[in-house]
């Protein structure tokens, strides 16, 4: 039997009858179990922050580059995952300006898109209705947090008297490393980002460490990252090219970066390196040549250490699929994810 939700449907699951009755999930001792893609939480004077980076990484970004610091604090790829018979799910808090002045929350109910919230950032507290169903029946709910704004949480409320538990995560783990495109810019919806789509389609738990404006940067790696991936994608290069890095310089950096990964965080993982996707000004000649020439140098350096995927094949070279000639829009990310997925064999996942 199915039970209608506004903007979606749900089906029944079984829940234990004796689970504690608590309205605000943030007050529960097991709140972190509801989160995926989140390494830690931080209680501040103005709300609870969800972090996907370690404290060491955040400190490095703050010391090195203000833009990186802002982007690293956005909860890109963090998801709330619950199994509950609540008829409503509300989020209270502040949606603050990050690299963009807009934000989105995407909600799935029992694997189907249910609610897409799009809003402007503001320092004022907001109350967002994420789930609104007519009937009480157990549903599996996934909420994807914004990739382009900073979120300070006051509460995540379920209906009083509802029974709510975390739903199971995949045993396979995926780590996404990259720049703003990996972070999910410039999709309007956070679930459109290619790591989110790839993880959903392949049934993977994932951690998105994409940071807008970032480059191949060994100093940003935390060798003690508390996350052991089975699969890693590395997608930098377009910002290195813009910075007039030479091909010899990028080749050396790529080799050192991947060698570091294979001996630390990704020692048990299969690594895929994505060369830069198309951009409108990629034919410009910089210190590293054109973007295709620069990308070829990245791929050649990476080949002994990773499976190389030609990024220029992932998004068609059509301006309408990009927000600004660099970052894919929602439709562009659909192409990105669908063209990337075939590179992952059943044995890999």
Foldseek 3Di string as FASTA:
>chain_A
DWFDWAQDIFDFDDDDPPADFDFFLVPDPCSCLQKFLFPDWDQDPAAIFTANADPQLLVVCVVPPPLQNLLRRFSQPMKGKKKKQFQWKKWKWFWAAGQHQKWWKWKDKQNHTGDIDIGGGDRDIDIDIPIHGDGGHIIIMMMGTTLGTHTGTDGITTDGPMGMDGDDADPAEEEEEEEVLLSPPPERHSCLRQVNVLCSVLRHGYHRSYTHLDALDQSSDDLVRPDAHAEYEHEHDPSCVVVQPALVRLLVSLLVSLVSCCVGRHVNYAYEYEFAEFFPQQCDQGNHGGSVSSSVSNCVSCVVRHHYDYRPQQFDCDCVQAPHRHHGYSVRSVSNNVVPNVVQDPVSD
